[in-house]
Structure formats: C-alpha cells, structure tokens
Amino acid sequence: MKYPHLFEQFNQWASIPSEEWIVFESKSVEKRLNKGDFLLKSGETNLTFGIVIQGLFRLYYVDQGSKEHIKAFRRENELIGAYAEMLLKIPSRTFIQAIGPSVVMMLSSADFELFYDRHPCWLKLGRIVAEKHFLAKEQREFEFLQLDVYGRYLKFCEEYKALIGKVPQHQIAILS
C-alpha cells in the first residue's frame, strides 16, 4: 500500500477491503506541485479529482474586475477538485493553487465511476464524502448569513488553527 494513512481514514467511513484499495491506488497518479503551481486553472477542462497527500491548496474564483474570491482551502487527506464543474461537464470556474510544496493523488472521474460497480464500499464512501461536503457548504452558507466578517475570521481560526501562519492573512481575510 502506497498511502496507508488514507486507507485508514477512508476505511473508517466505508470498510474498504485492502484488495479494493490496492486497485484504487493503481488507478491513481501522484502529482507533485511547487509553491504557486496550479493544479487547475479557470477555463480548463477538468475530468479528475484528487486527495491531498501533502501540502496545502487554495481554491478561488476571479471576478470580472480581477478580484480574487477564496472559495476554500484544502489540506492533507482532503478531496480536491472542481467537482461541480466536473459533474456539469463545463470548464472549470475555479483556480486551484498550491500554497507550498504539495503532493496530490489524482484519479479520473471515469475511473472512479467504475469503482461504484466494483464493490459497495465505494458507493458508501461516495455517499459519505458527498454528505461531508454538503455539511461543509451548509455551514459556510450559515456563517455568511449569520456572522459578520470578524465572526467568520474567528470561526476560521478556531477550525483551522494549524493553517494560521501557513496561509497569508490577506487570503484568510478574502475567505471571511
């Protein structure tokens, strides 16, 4: 097994047989990025998603006035990609940039779709990941509607203590 820590994490959610995980890893490609490198740029076609093995990423949009709007940060053991655009089959609207040296395990959406038919653990994992993302989006929406900028900043600092000092303050401010 190349990524036993990921196997342990995902296995807690979906009881993945080790044989299934080995096949999953065999379909993945490791991608290394330096600080400032883009995993994906707005306008590019995206048919892959990844899991952050090492490092930190920011996901952001750029409006017509060239102003950046931070959508999220992704850290180790989190999924990364422009998933909505992948489902909609449209070019990415999202920039995904490495904040420091990073490693991502990439998998094509077509390959992952095949896993759903291989074993029920993949359906369960897909459902749990979708639920976690839904809850995160729901929480973010609640914070935007119920907290002021300072409240959102405090919530970010509480939830992402380990990122303080790794993420430039102006990027945290854009997120809030």
N, C-alpha and C. Protein backbone atom coordinates (compact mmCIF):
# COMPACT_ATOMS: atom_id res chain seq x y z
N MET A 1 0.83 -1.18 0.00
CA MET A 1 0.00 0.00 0.00
C MET A 1 0.88 1.25 0.00
N LYS A 2 0.57 2.15 -0.92
CA LYS A 2 1.36 3.37 -1.04
C LYS A 2 0.90 4.45 -0.07
N TYR A 3 -0.39 4.49 0.23
CA TYR A 3 -0.96 5.53 1.10
C TYR A 3 -1.75 4.90 2.25
N PRO A 4 -1.07 4.23 3.18
CA PRO A 4 -1.81 3.54 4.26
C PRO A 4 -2.61 4.50 5.15
N HIS A 5 -2.12 5.73 5.33
CA HIS A 5 -2.86 6.68 6.18
C HIS A 5 -4.21 7.05 5.55
N LEU A 6 -4.25 7.17 4.23
CA LEU A 6 -5.53 7.44 3.55
C LEU A 6 -6.45 6.23 3.64
N PHE A 7 -5.87 5.06 3.46
CA PHE A 7 -6.66 3.84 3.58
C PHE A 7 -7.31 3.77 4.95
N GLU A 8 -6.55 4.05 5.99
CA GLU A 8 -7.09 4.01 7.36
C GLU A 8 -8.23 5.02 7.53
N GLN A 9 -8.03 6.23 7.02
CA GLN A 9 -9.07 7.26 7.15
C GLN A 9 -10.34 6.86 6.42
N PHE A 10 -10.22 6.49 5.15
CA PHE A 10 -11.40 6.15 4.36
C PHE A 10 -12.03 4.84 4.84
N ASN A 11 -11.21 3.95 5.36
CA ASN A 11 -11.72 2.68 5.86
C ASN A 11 -12.62 2.89 7.08
N GLN A 12 -12.37 3.93 7.83
CA GLN A 12 -13.24 4.26 8.97
C GLN A 12 -14.64 4.63 8.50
N TRP A 13 -14.74 5.19 7.32
CA TRP A 13 -16.02 5.62 6.79
C TRP A 13 -16.75 4.51 6.04
N ALA A 14 -15.99 3.62 5.38
CA ALA A 14 -16.66 2.73 4.43
C ALA A 14 -16.17 1.28 4.42
N SER A 15 -15.37 0.84 5.35
CA SER A 15 -14.89 -0.55 5.40
C SER A 15 -14.42 -1.04 4.02
N ILE A 16 -13.35 -0.45 3.56
CA ILE A 16 -12.81 -0.78 2.24
C ILE A 16 -11.87 -1.98 2.35
N PRO A 17 -12.16 -3.06 1.63
CA PRO A 17 -11.23 -4.19 1.64
C PRO A 17 -9.86 -3.76 1.07
N SER A 18 -8.80 -4.29 1.63
CA SER A 18 -7.46 -3.88 1.20
C SER A 18 -7.24 -4.15 -0.28
N GLU A 19 -7.84 -5.23 -0.81
CA GLU A 19 -7.69 -5.52 -2.25
C GLU A 19 -8.30 -4.41 -3.10
N GLU A 20 -9.42 -3.88 -2.65
CA GLU A 20 -10.07 -2.78 -3.36
C GLU A 20 -9.20 -1.52 -3.32
N TRP A 21 -8.60 -1.27 -2.15
CA TRP A 21 -7.77 -0.08 -2.01
C TRP A 21 -6.54 -0.17 -2.91
N ILE A 22 -5.96 -1.35 -3.02
CA ILE A 22 -4.78 -1.54 -3.87
C ILE A 22 -5.13 -1.25 -5.33
N VAL A 23 -6.32 -1.70 -5.78
CA VAL A 23 -6.76 -1.40 -7.15
C VAL A 23 -6.98 0.11 -7.30
N PHE A 24 -7.59 0.72 -6.28
CA PHE A 24 -7.83 2.17 -6.29
C PHE A 24 -6.51 2.91 -6.45
N GLU A 25 -5.52 2.54 -5.66
CA GLU A 25 -4.20 3.19 -5.77
C GLU A 25 -3.57 2.97 -7.14
N SER A 26 -3.78 1.80 -7.72
CA SER A 26 -3.17 1.51 -9.03
C SER A 26 -3.75 2.39 -10.14
N LYS A 27 -4.96 2.86 -9.95
CA LYS A 27 -5.60 3.74 -10.94
C LYS A 27 -5.24 5.21 -10.73
N SER A 28 -4.61 5.51 -9.60
CA SER A 28 -4.30 6.91 -9.29
C SER A 28 -2.91 7.28 -9.80
N VAL A 29 -2.71 8.59 -9.94
CA VAL A 29 -1.43 9.14 -10.39
C VAL A 29 -1.01 10.18 -9.36
N GLU A 30 0.23 10.10 -8.94
CA GLU A 30 0.74 11.09 -7.99
C GLU A 30 1.23 12.32 -8.74
N LYS A 31 0.79 13.47 -8.29
CA LYS A 31 1.20 14.72 -8.91
C LYS A 31 1.87 15.58 -7.85
N ARG A 32 3.06 16.09 -8.17
CA ARG A 32 3.81 16.96 -7.25
C ARG A 32 3.77 18.39 -7.77
N LEU A 33 3.54 19.32 -6.86
CA LEU A 33 3.47 20.73 -7.23
C LEU A 33 4.36 21.55 -6.30
N ASN A 34 4.91 22.60 -6.85
CA ASN A 34 5.69 23.55 -6.06
C ASN A 34 4.79 24.69 -5.62
N LYS A 35 5.27 25.48 -4.68
CA LYS A 35 4.53 26.64 -4.23
C LYS A 35 4.18 27.51 -5.44
N GLY A 36 2.90 27.87 -5.54
CA GLY A 36 2.44 28.73 -6.63
C GLY A 36 1.98 27.98 -7.86
N ASP A 37 2.30 26.69 -7.98
CA ASP A 37 1.84 25.90 -9.13
C ASP A 37 0.32 25.72 -9.06
N PHE A 38 -0.28 25.61 -10.24
CA PHE A 38 -1.72 25.40 -10.32
C PHE A 38 -2.02 23.93 -10.60
N LEU A 39 -2.92 23.38 -9.82
CA LEU A 39 -3.46 22.07 -10.10
C LEU A 39 -4.51 22.19 -11.20
N LEU A 40 -5.19 23.33 -11.19
CA LEU A 40 -6.24 23.60 -12.17
C LEU A 40 -6.42 25.10 -12.28
N LYS A 41 -6.70 25.56 -13.50
CA LYS A 41 -6.99 26.98 -13.73
C LYS A 41 -8.39 27.12 -14.30
N SER A 42 -8.98 28.26 -14.04
CA SER A 42 -10.29 28.58 -14.60
C SER A 42 -10.22 28.48 -16.13
N GLY A 43 -11.25 27.87 -16.70
CA GLY A 43 -11.30 27.72 -18.15
C GLY A 43 -10.81 26.38 -18.64
N GLU A 44 -10.04 25.68 -17.81
CA GLU A 44 -9.54 24.36 -18.21
C GLU A 44 -10.63 23.31 -18.02
N THR A 45 -10.59 22.29 -18.85
CA THR A 45 -11.49 21.16 -18.71
C THR A 45 -10.93 20.26 -17.64
N ASN A 46 -11.80 19.82 -16.75
CA ASN A 46 -11.36 19.03 -15.61
C ASN A 46 -12.14 17.73 -15.55
N LEU A 47 -11.44 16.62 -15.67
CA LEU A 47 -12.08 15.32 -15.56
C LEU A 47 -11.42 14.48 -14.47
N THR A 48 -10.74 15.15 -13.54
CA THR A 48 -10.07 14.44 -12.45
C THR A 48 -10.37 15.13 -11.13
N PHE A 49 -10.14 14.38 -10.08
CA PHE A 49 -10.16 14.95 -8.75
C PHE A 49 -9.01 14.31 -7.99
N GLY A 50 -8.70 14.84 -6.84
CA GLY A 50 -7.57 14.32 -6.11
C GLY A 50 -7.80 14.29 -4.62
N ILE A 51 -6.82 13.72 -3.95
CA ILE A 51 -6.76 13.71 -2.50
C ILE A 51 -5.41 14.31 -2.14
N VAL A 52 -5.42 15.31 -1.29
CA VAL A 52 -4.17 15.96 -0.90
C VAL A 52 -3.40 15.01 0.02
N ILE A 53 -2.22 14.62 -0.43
CA ILE A 53 -1.35 13.75 0.36
C ILE A 53 -0.47 14.60 1.26
N GLN A 54 0.02 15.68 0.70
CA GLN A 54 0.92 16.57 1.43
C GLN A 54 0.71 17.97 0.92
N GLY A 55 0.75 18.96 1.81
CA GLY A 55 0.68 20.34 1.39
C GLY A 55 -0.64 21.00 1.67
N LEU A 56 -0.83 22.12 1.00
CA LEU A 56 -1.99 22.97 1.23
C LEU A 56 -2.33 23.70 -0.07
N PHE A 57 -3.62 23.82 -0.34
CA PHE A 57 -4.10 24.48 -1.56
C PHE A 57 -5.15 25.52 -1.23
N ARG A 58 -5.24 26.50 -2.13
CA ARG A 58 -6.36 27.44 -2.05
C ARG A 58 -7.16 27.28 -3.33
N LEU A 59 -8.47 27.33 -3.18
CA LEU A 59 -9.39 27.27 -4.30
C LEU A 59 -10.05 28.64 -4.37
N TYR A 60 -10.01 29.26 -5.53
CA TYR A 60 -10.56 30.60 -5.62
C TYR A 60 -11.12 30.90 -7.00
N TYR A 61 -11.95 31.95 -7.03
CA TYR A 61 -12.51 32.48 -8.26
C TYR A 61 -11.89 33.86 -8.49
N VAL A 62 -11.92 34.29 -9.73
CA VAL A 62 -11.52 35.66 -10.07
C VAL A 62 -12.70 36.30 -10.80
N ASP A 63 -13.15 37.45 -10.28
CA ASP A 63 -14.31 38.09 -10.90
C ASP A 63 -13.87 38.93 -12.10
N GLN A 64 -14.83 39.58 -12.75
CA GLN A 64 -14.55 40.35 -13.96
C GLN A 64 -13.63 41.53 -13.71
N GLY A 65 -13.56 41.98 -12.47
CA GLY A 65 -12.65 43.07 -12.10
C GLY A 65 -11.30 42.58 -11.65
N SER A 66 -11.01 41.29 -11.87
CA SER A 66 -9.75 40.63 -11.50
C SER A 66 -9.55 40.51 -9.98
N LYS A 67 -10.62 40.59 -9.23
CA LYS A 67 -10.54 40.44 -7.78
C LYS A 67 -10.71 38.96 -7.43
N GLU A 68 -9.83 38.46 -6.55
CA GLU A 68 -9.89 37.07 -6.12
C GLU A 68 -10.92 36.90 -5.00
N HIS A 69 -11.60 35.75 -5.05
CA HIS A 69 -12.55 35.37 -4.01
C HIS A 69 -12.21 33.94 -3.59
N ILE A 70 -11.67 33.79 -2.38
CA ILE A 70 -11.28 32.47 -1.90
C ILE A 70 -12.53 31.64 -1.62
N LYS A 71 -12.59 30.49 -2.23
CA LYS A 71 -13.70 29.56 -2.02
C LYS A 71 -13.41 28.67 -0.81
N ALA A 72 -12.17 28.16 -0.74
CA ALA A 72 -11.84 27.21 0.33
C ALA A 72 -10.33 26.97 0.34
N PHE A 73 -9.89 26.34 1.40
CA PHE A 73 -8.54 25.80 1.48
C PHE A 73 -8.68 24.30 1.60
N ARG A 74 -7.74 23.57 1.04
CA ARG A 74 -7.72 22.12 1.16
C ARG A 74 -6.38 21.71 1.74
N ARG A 75 -6.45 20.84 2.73
CA ARG A 75 -5.24 20.37 3.42
C ARG A 75 -5.14 18.87 3.28
N GLU A 76 -4.13 18.31 3.92
CA GLU A 76 -3.85 16.88 3.78
C GLU A 76 -5.06 16.02 4.13
N ASN A 77 -5.23 14.98 3.33
CA ASN A 77 -6.30 13.98 3.46
C ASN A 77 -7.67 14.51 3.04
N GLU A 78 -7.72 15.66 2.39
CA GLU A 78 -8.99 16.19 1.90
C GLU A 78 -9.07 16.05 0.39
N LEU A 79 -10.29 15.89 -0.10
CA LEU A 79 -10.51 15.83 -1.54
C LEU A 79 -10.35 17.21 -2.15
N ILE A 80 -9.89 17.21 -3.40
CA ILE A 80 -9.65 18.48 -4.08
C ILE A 80 -10.03 18.34 -5.54
N GLY A 81 -10.63 19.38 -6.06
CA GLY A 81 -11.01 19.40 -7.46
C GLY A 81 -12.18 20.35 -7.67
N ALA A 82 -12.49 20.58 -8.91
CA ALA A 82 -13.65 21.40 -9.27
C ALA A 82 -14.79 20.43 -9.56
N TYR A 83 -15.31 19.86 -8.49
CA TYR A 83 -16.27 18.76 -8.61
C TYR A 83 -17.57 19.18 -9.30
N ALA A 84 -18.10 20.35 -8.95
CA ALA A 84 -19.36 20.79 -9.57
C ALA A 84 -19.19 20.92 -11.08
N GLU A 85 -18.08 21.52 -11.50
CA GLU A 85 -17.84 21.69 -12.92
C GLU A 85 -17.67 20.33 -13.62
N MET A 86 -17.06 19.39 -12.90
CA MET A 86 -16.89 18.05 -13.45
C MET A 86 -18.26 17.40 -13.66
N LEU A 87 -19.14 17.53 -12.67
CA LEU A 87 -20.49 16.96 -12.80
C LEU A 87 -21.28 17.64 -13.89
N LEU A 88 -21.13 18.96 -14.01
CA LEU A 88 -21.86 19.72 -15.02
C LEU A 88 -21.24 19.61 -16.42
N LYS A 89 -20.02 19.03 -16.45
CA LYS A 89 -19.28 18.87 -17.71
C LYS A 89 -19.04 20.22 -18.38
N ILE A 90 -18.60 21.18 -17.57
CA ILE A 90 -18.26 22.51 -18.07
C ILE A 90 -16.82 22.82 -17.69
N PRO A 91 -16.18 23.76 -18.39
CA PRO A 91 -14.82 24.15 -18.00
C PRO A 91 -14.81 24.67 -16.56
N SER A 92 -13.68 24.52 -15.93
CA SER A 92 -13.54 24.94 -14.54
C SER A 92 -13.77 26.44 -14.39
N ARG A 93 -14.42 26.81 -13.30
CA ARG A 93 -14.57 28.20 -12.91
C ARG A 93 -13.59 28.51 -11.78
N THR A 94 -12.89 27.49 -11.33
CA THR A 94 -12.07 27.55 -10.13
C THR A 94 -10.58 27.48 -10.45
N PHE A 95 -9.81 28.30 -9.76
CA PHE A 95 -8.36 28.16 -9.75
C PHE A 95 -8.01 27.34 -8.51
N ILE A 96 -7.13 26.37 -8.67
CA ILE A 96 -6.65 25.58 -7.52
C ILE A 96 -5.14 25.70 -7.52
N GLN A 97 -4.60 26.34 -6.49
CA GLN A 97 -3.18 26.68 -6.44
C GLN A 97 -2.54 26.15 -5.16
N ALA A 98 -1.33 25.59 -5.32
CA ALA A 98 -0.57 25.10 -4.17
C ALA A 98 -0.01 26.30 -3.39
N ILE A 99 -0.20 26.29 -2.09
CA ILE A 99 0.33 27.35 -1.23
C ILE A 99 1.78 27.04 -0.86
N GLY A 100 2.14 25.80 -0.90
CA GLY A 100 3.51 25.36 -0.64
C GLY A 100 3.74 24.07 -1.40
N PRO A 101 4.92 23.46 -1.25
CA PRO A 101 5.18 22.18 -1.91
C PRO A 101 4.08 21.18 -1.55
N SER A 102 3.52 20.52 -2.55
CA SER A 102 2.36 19.66 -2.32
C SER A 102 2.41 18.40 -3.17
N VAL A 103 1.70 17.39 -2.70
CA VAL A 103 1.55 16.13 -3.42
C VAL A 103 0.07 15.76 -3.40
N VAL A 104 -0.44 15.39 -4.56
CA VAL A 104 -1.84 15.02 -4.70
C VAL A 104 -1.93 13.67 -5.40
N MET A 105 -2.82 12.83 -4.91
CA MET A 105 -3.13 11.56 -5.56
C MET A 105 -4.33 11.84 -6.46
N MET A 106 -4.14 11.78 -7.77
CA MET A 106 -5.18 12.14 -8.74
C MET A 106 -5.84 10.88 -9.31
N LEU A 107 -7.14 11.01 -9.59
CA LEU A 107 -7.90 9.91 -10.17
C LEU A 107 -8.91 10.50 -11.15
N SER A 108 -9.08 9.85 -12.27
CA SER A 108 -10.06 10.36 -13.23
C SER A 108 -11.46 10.04 -12.72
N SER A 109 -12.39 10.92 -13.04
CA SER A 109 -13.78 10.70 -12.62
C SER A 109 -14.33 9.44 -13.29
N ALA A 110 -13.90 9.17 -14.52
CA ALA A 110 -14.37 7.97 -15.22
C ALA A 110 -13.93 6.71 -14.50
N ASP A 111 -12.66 6.69 -14.02
CA ASP A 111 -12.19 5.53 -13.27
C ASP A 111 -12.96 5.38 -11.97
N PHE A 112 -13.21 6.50 -11.29
CA PHE A 112 -13.92 6.38 -10.02
C PHE A 112 -15.34 5.89 -10.24
N GLU A 113 -15.97 6.31 -11.31
CA GLU A 113 -17.33 5.83 -11.63
C GLU A 113 -17.35 4.30 -11.74
N LEU A 114 -16.27 3.73 -12.30
CA LEU A 114 -16.20 2.27 -12.44
C LEU A 114 -16.12 1.59 -11.07
N PHE A 115 -15.53 2.27 -10.09
CA PHE A 115 -15.42 1.69 -8.75
C PHE A 115 -16.79 1.50 -8.11
N TYR A 116 -17.75 2.35 -8.43
CA TYR A 116 -19.08 2.21 -7.85
C TYR A 116 -19.68 0.83 -8.16
N ASP A 117 -19.34 0.28 -9.32
CA ASP A 117 -19.86 -1.04 -9.71
C ASP A 117 -19.00 -2.18 -9.18
N ARG A 118 -17.79 -1.89 -8.73
CA ARG A 118 -16.87 -2.94 -8.28
C ARG A 118 -17.25 -3.51 -6.91
N HIS A 119 -17.57 -2.61 -5.98
CA HIS A 119 -17.79 -3.04 -4.60
C HIS A 119 -18.67 -2.00 -3.89
N PRO A 120 -19.57 -2.44 -3.03
CA PRO A 120 -20.45 -1.49 -2.33
C PRO A 120 -19.71 -0.47 -1.45
N CYS A 121 -18.49 -0.77 -1.05
CA CYS A 121 -17.75 0.18 -0.20
C CYS A 121 -17.56 1.51 -0.90
N TRP A 122 -17.43 1.50 -2.22
CA TRP A 122 -17.20 2.75 -2.96
C TRP A 122 -18.46 3.60 -3.00
N LEU A 123 -19.62 2.95 -3.11
CA LEU A 123 -20.88 3.70 -3.04
C LEU A 123 -21.03 4.36 -1.67
N LYS A 124 -20.71 3.60 -0.62
CA LYS A 124 -20.81 4.15 0.73
C LYS A 124 -19.82 5.30 0.91
N LEU A 125 -18.60 5.12 0.44
CA LEU A 125 -17.59 6.18 0.56
C LEU A 125 -18.05 7.42 -0.21
N GLY A 126 -18.56 7.23 -1.42
CA GLY A 126 -19.04 8.36 -2.21
C GLY A 126 -20.16 9.10 -1.51
N ARG A 127 -21.08 8.36 -0.90
CA ARG A 127 -22.18 8.98 -0.17
C ARG A 127 -21.68 9.77 1.04
N ILE A 128 -20.76 9.19 1.79
CA ILE A 128 -20.26 9.86 2.99
C ILE A 128 -19.48 11.12 2.62
N VAL A 129 -18.66 11.04 1.57
CA VAL A 129 -17.91 12.22 1.12
C VAL A 129 -18.89 13.31 0.67
N ALA A 130 -19.93 12.91 -0.09
CA ALA A 130 -20.93 13.90 -0.53
C ALA A 130 -21.63 14.54 0.67
N GLU A 131 -21.95 13.73 1.67
CA GLU A 131 -22.59 14.28 2.87
C GLU A 131 -21.67 15.26 3.60
N LYS A 132 -20.40 14.91 3.72
CA LYS A 132 -19.44 15.80 4.39
C LYS A 132 -19.30 17.12 3.64
N HIS A 133 -19.26 17.05 2.32
CA HIS A 133 -19.16 18.28 1.53
C HIS A 133 -20.44 19.11 1.64
N PHE A 134 -21.58 18.45 1.64
CA PHE A 134 -22.84 19.17 1.80
C PHE A 134 -22.88 19.90 3.14
N LEU A 135 -22.49 19.21 4.20
CA LEU A 135 -22.50 19.82 5.54
C LEU A 135 -21.53 20.99 5.62
N ALA A 136 -20.36 20.86 4.99
CA ALA A 136 -19.39 21.96 4.98
C ALA A 136 -19.97 23.17 4.23
N LYS A 137 -20.60 22.93 3.10
CA LYS A 137 -21.21 24.03 2.34
C LYS A 137 -22.35 24.67 3.14
N GLU A 138 -23.15 23.85 3.80
CA GLU A 138 -24.24 24.36 4.62
C GLU A 138 -23.70 25.25 5.75
N GLN A 139 -22.62 24.80 6.38
CA GLN A 139 -22.01 25.57 7.46
C GLN A 139 -21.46 26.90 6.94
N ARG A 140 -20.82 26.85 5.79
CA ARG A 140 -20.25 28.08 5.20
C ARG A 140 -21.37 29.06 4.85
N GLU A 141 -22.46 28.56 4.29
CA GLU A 141 -23.59 29.42 3.96
C GLU A 141 -24.18 30.04 5.23
N PHE A 142 -24.33 29.22 6.27
CA PHE A 142 -24.84 29.73 7.54
C PHE A 142 -23.94 30.86 8.07
N GLU A 143 -22.62 30.63 8.02
CA GLU A 143 -21.68 31.64 8.53
C GLU A 143 -21.78 32.94 7.73
N PHE A 144 -21.92 32.85 6.42
CA PHE A 144 -22.05 34.06 5.60
C PHE A 144 -23.33 34.83 5.93
N LEU A 145 -24.38 34.11 6.24
CA LEU A 145 -25.65 34.77 6.50
C LEU A 145 -25.82 35.21 7.96
N GLN A 146 -25.09 34.58 8.87
CA GLN A 146 -25.31 34.85 10.29
C GLN A 146 -24.16 35.53 11.02
N LEU A 147 -22.95 35.47 10.49
CA LEU A 147 -21.80 36.05 11.17
C LEU A 147 -21.24 37.22 10.38
N ASP A 148 -20.71 38.19 11.08
CA ASP A 148 -20.02 39.28 10.39
C ASP A 148 -18.60 38.81 10.03
N VAL A 149 -17.85 39.66 9.37
CA VAL A 149 -16.51 39.30 8.91
C VAL A 149 -15.63 38.85 10.07
N TYR A 150 -15.66 39.57 11.15
CA TYR A 150 -14.83 39.23 12.31
C TYR A 150 -15.25 37.87 12.89
N GLY A 151 -16.54 37.62 12.96
CA GLY A 151 -17.03 36.33 13.45
C GLY A 151 -16.58 35.17 12.57
N ARG A 152 -16.62 35.39 11.26
CA ARG A 152 -16.16 34.34 10.33
C ARG A 152 -14.66 34.12 10.47
N TYR A 153 -13.91 35.20 10.68
CA TYR A 153 -12.46 35.08 10.88
C TYR A 153 -12.18 34.26 12.15
N LEU A 154 -12.87 34.55 13.23
CA LEU A 154 -12.67 33.81 14.48
C LEU A 154 -13.02 32.34 14.30
N LYS A 155 -14.10 32.07 13.58
CA LYS A 155 -14.51 30.69 13.31
C LYS A 155 -13.45 29.96 12.49
N PHE A 156 -12.90 30.66 11.49
CA PHE A 156 -11.83 30.07 10.67
C PHE A 156 -10.63 29.74 11.55
N CYS A 157 -10.22 30.67 12.38
CA CYS A 157 -9.06 30.47 13.25
C CYS A 157 -9.27 29.30 14.22
N GLU A 158 -10.49 29.15 14.69
CA GLU A 158 -10.83 28.06 15.60
C GLU A 158 -10.76 26.72 14.88
N GLU A 159 -11.34 26.66 13.68
CA GLU A 159 -11.43 25.41 12.94
C GLU A 159 -10.12 25.03 12.25
N TYR A 160 -9.34 26.02 11.84
CA TYR A 160 -8.13 25.75 11.06
C TYR A 160 -6.89 26.30 11.76
N LYS A 161 -6.76 26.03 13.06
CA LYS A 161 -5.62 26.53 13.83
C LYS A 161 -4.29 26.23 13.15
N ALA A 162 -4.17 25.03 12.61
CA ALA A 162 -2.90 24.60 12.00
C ALA A 162 -2.54 25.41 10.76
N LEU A 163 -3.50 26.10 10.16
CA LEU A 163 -3.22 26.88 8.95
C LEU A 163 -2.72 28.29 9.25
N ILE A 164 -2.95 28.75 10.47
CA ILE A 164 -2.52 30.10 10.83
C ILE A 164 -0.99 30.13 10.75
N GLY A 165 -0.49 31.09 10.00
CA GLY A 165 0.95 31.17 9.75
C GLY A 165 1.36 30.53 8.44
N LYS A 166 0.57 29.57 7.95
CA LYS A 166 0.85 28.93 6.66
C LYS A 166 0.12 29.63 5.53
N VAL A 167 -1.01 30.23 5.86
CA VAL A 167 -1.83 30.92 4.88
C VAL A 167 -1.66 32.42 5.11
N PRO A 168 -1.33 33.17 4.05
CA PRO A 168 -1.21 34.62 4.22
C PRO A 168 -2.51 35.22 4.76
N GLN A 169 -2.37 36.17 5.68
CA GLN A 169 -3.53 36.79 6.32
C GLN A 169 -4.52 37.39 5.32
N HIS A 170 -3.99 37.98 4.23
CA HIS A 170 -4.92 38.58 3.27
C HIS A 170 -5.80 37.53 2.59
N GLN A 171 -5.31 36.28 2.48
CA GLN A 171 -6.12 35.23 1.90
C GLN A 171 -7.20 34.77 2.88
N ILE A 172 -6.86 34.75 4.15
CA ILE A 172 -7.87 34.42 5.16
C ILE A 172 -8.95 35.50 5.15
N ALA A 173 -8.53 36.74 5.04
CA ALA A 173 -9.48 37.85 5.01
C ALA A 173 -10.40 37.76 3.81
N ILE A 174 -9.87 37.35 2.66
CA ILE A 174 -10.71 37.19 1.46
C ILE A 174 -11.73 36.09 1.68
N LEU A 175 -11.32 35.01 2.36
CA LEU A 175 -12.21 33.90 2.65
C LEU A 175 -13.33 34.33 3.57
N SER A 176 -13.00 35.17 4.55
CA SER A 176 -14.01 35.59 5.52
C SER A 176 -14.99 36.51 4.86
